[in-house]
Amino acid sequence: MKLYRDDVEGLLLVTSYDADHVAINRERHEASLLVMPGHDVAPWAAGGFDALSEADFAQIRDLSPALVIVGTGGRQRFPKPVLLRPLIDAGIGFEIMDTGSACRTYNILAAEGRQVAAALMLD
């Protein structure tokens, strides 16, 4: 799905996504990634959903977002609660959803100027 805005200057927004890529400001990424306004796009959760670790969520915590939108691929899957401990201990809110929903939600919140991060997994 393509998502375009005319006023992306200064924001990192998802401009398209499907099962094998996510484009941030029209730059295609073919691996899971972490995106937050004001930061560089970073690789995230290289091993996929089944290999998620506390370290993956500590990477998000270190960006100090107020909220994290976690996209778990083509369907919503919930990580083990113990893996989310870095976010919980830091008081960072999180929402778990499929990656398409996460992309759309992230764009809305980022455009509103929120301190939101998106951790997006591909299938």
Protein backbone atom coordinates (compact mmCIF):
# COMPACT_ATOMS: atom_id res chain seq x y z
CA MET A 1 0.00 0.00 0.00
CA LYS A 2 1.29 3.47 -0.85
CA LEU A 3 0.93 6.30 1.64
CA TYR A 4 1.98 9.78 0.55
CA ARG A 5 1.96 13.18 2.21
CA ASP A 6 3.08 16.42 0.63
CA ASP A 7 4.57 17.86 3.83
CA VAL A 8 7.14 15.25 4.89
CA GLU A 9 9.96 17.75 5.34
CA GLY A 10 11.69 17.03 8.61
CA LEU A 11 9.59 13.92 9.36
CA LEU A 12 10.31 10.27 8.80
CA LEU A 13 7.05 8.81 7.52
CA VAL A 14 6.05 5.49 6.00
CA THR A 15 5.33 6.13 2.34
CA SER A 16 4.55 2.53 1.35
CA TYR A 17 4.64 -0.99 2.70
CA ASP A 18 3.85 -4.58 1.81
CA ALA A 19 4.92 -8.04 2.99
CA ASP A 20 8.53 -7.61 1.82
CA HIS A 21 9.34 -3.94 2.34
CA VAL A 22 8.63 -0.72 4.20
CA ALA A 23 9.52 2.60 2.56
CA ILE A 24 10.43 5.53 4.78
CA ASN A 25 10.21 8.83 2.87
CA ARG A 26 10.22 6.72 -0.30
CA GLU A 27 13.46 4.90 0.64
CA ARG A 28 12.83 1.16 0.45
CA HIS A 29 13.85 -1.08 3.38
CA GLU A 30 13.61 -4.86 2.98
CA ALA A 31 14.30 -5.83 6.58
CA SER A 32 12.65 -5.07 9.91
CA LEU A 33 13.39 -1.57 11.12
CA LEU A 34 13.02 1.02 13.84
CA VAL A 35 11.93 4.54 12.94
CA MET A 36 11.36 7.66 15.03
CA PRO A 37 11.26 11.33 14.03
CA GLY A 38 14.60 13.00 14.75
CA HIS A 39 16.57 9.74 14.54
CA ASP A 40 18.10 7.68 11.76
CA VAL A 41 16.20 4.63 10.52
CA ALA A 42 17.85 1.64 12.21
CA PRO A 43 17.72 -2.12 11.69
CA TRP A 44 15.62 -3.92 14.30
CA ALA A 45 14.76 -7.52 15.27
CA ALA A 46 16.90 -9.06 12.56
CA GLY A 47 15.84 -12.60 13.49
CA GLY A 48 12.11 -11.91 13.13
CA PHE A 49 9.29 -12.36 15.60
CA ASP A 50 10.36 -15.74 16.98
CA ALA A 51 13.85 -14.41 17.80
CA LEU A 52 12.72 -11.23 19.63
CA SER A 53 14.76 -10.48 22.74
CA GLU A 54 14.86 -7.97 25.58
CA ALA A 55 17.79 -6.35 23.74
CA ASP A 56 15.47 -5.52 20.82
CA PHE A 57 13.15 -3.63 23.18
CA ALA A 58 16.10 -2.05 25.02
CA GLN A 59 17.14 -0.59 21.64
CA ILE A 60 13.75 1.12 21.46
CA ARG A 61 13.93 2.27 25.09
CA ASP A 62 17.25 3.97 24.38
CA LEU A 63 15.49 6.34 21.93
CA SER A 64 13.23 7.56 24.79
CA PRO A 65 9.92 7.65 22.91
CA ALA A 66 6.70 8.32 24.79
CA LEU A 67 4.97 5.55 22.81
CA VAL A 68 6.09 2.62 20.66
CA ILE A 69 4.00 1.11 17.90
CA VAL A 70 5.17 -2.46 17.28
CA GLY A 71 4.22 -4.00 13.94
CA THR A 72 4.47 -7.79 14.01
CA GLY A 73 4.19 -8.59 10.31
CA GLY A 74 1.07 -9.60 8.42
CA ARG A 75 -0.82 -10.48 11.57
CA GLN A 76 -0.93 -9.25 15.13
CA ARG A 77 1.20 -11.39 17.44
CA PHE A 78 2.05 -10.56 21.05
CA PRO A 79 5.64 -10.80 22.31
CA LYS A 80 6.22 -12.56 25.62
CA PRO A 81 5.66 -10.02 28.42
CA VAL A 82 9.18 -10.53 29.80
CA LEU A 83 10.62 -9.20 26.52
CA LEU A 84 8.75 -5.91 27.00
CA ARG A 85 10.36 -5.33 30.42
CA PRO A 86 12.75 -2.58 29.16
CA LEU A 87 9.75 -0.54 27.96
CA ILE A 88 7.66 -1.23 31.05
CA ASP A 89 10.49 -0.35 33.45
CA ALA A 90 11.10 2.93 31.57
CA GLY A 91 7.40 3.86 31.62
CA ILE A 92 7.17 3.80 27.82
CA GLY A 93 3.75 2.98 26.41
CA PHE A 94 3.41 0.45 23.61
CA GLU A 95 0.81 -0.90 21.23
CA ILE A 96 1.13 -4.19 19.36
CA MET A 97 -0.54 -4.54 15.95
CA ASP A 98 0.04 -5.92 12.47
CA THR A 99 2.64 -3.99 10.46
CA GLY A 100 0.17 -2.31 8.10
CA SER A 101 -1.84 -0.91 11.00
CA ALA A 102 1.40 0.08 12.75
CA CYS A 103 2.57 2.03 9.68
CA ARG A 104 -0.67 3.98 9.42
CA THR A 105 -0.86 4.67 13.17
CA TYR A 106 2.77 5.77 13.32
CA ASN A 107 2.24 8.25 10.45
CA ILE A 108 -0.73 9.84 12.19
CA LEU A 109 1.06 10.20 15.52
CA ALA A 110 4.35 11.41 13.99
CA ALA A 111 2.48 14.02 11.90
CA GLU A 112 0.87 15.27 15.13
CA GLY A 113 4.35 15.86 16.55
CA ARG A 114 4.20 13.01 19.08
CA GLN A 115 7.33 11.33 20.42
CA VAL A 116 6.45 8.02 18.79
CA ALA A 117 8.67 5.21 17.54
CA ALA A 118 7.65 2.41 15.18
CA ALA A 119 9.30 -0.99 15.37
CA LEU A 120 8.22 -2.65 12.14
CA MET A 121 8.69 -6.31 11.23
CA LEU A 122 8.25 -7.80 7.81
CA ASP A 123 6.81 -11.27 7.22
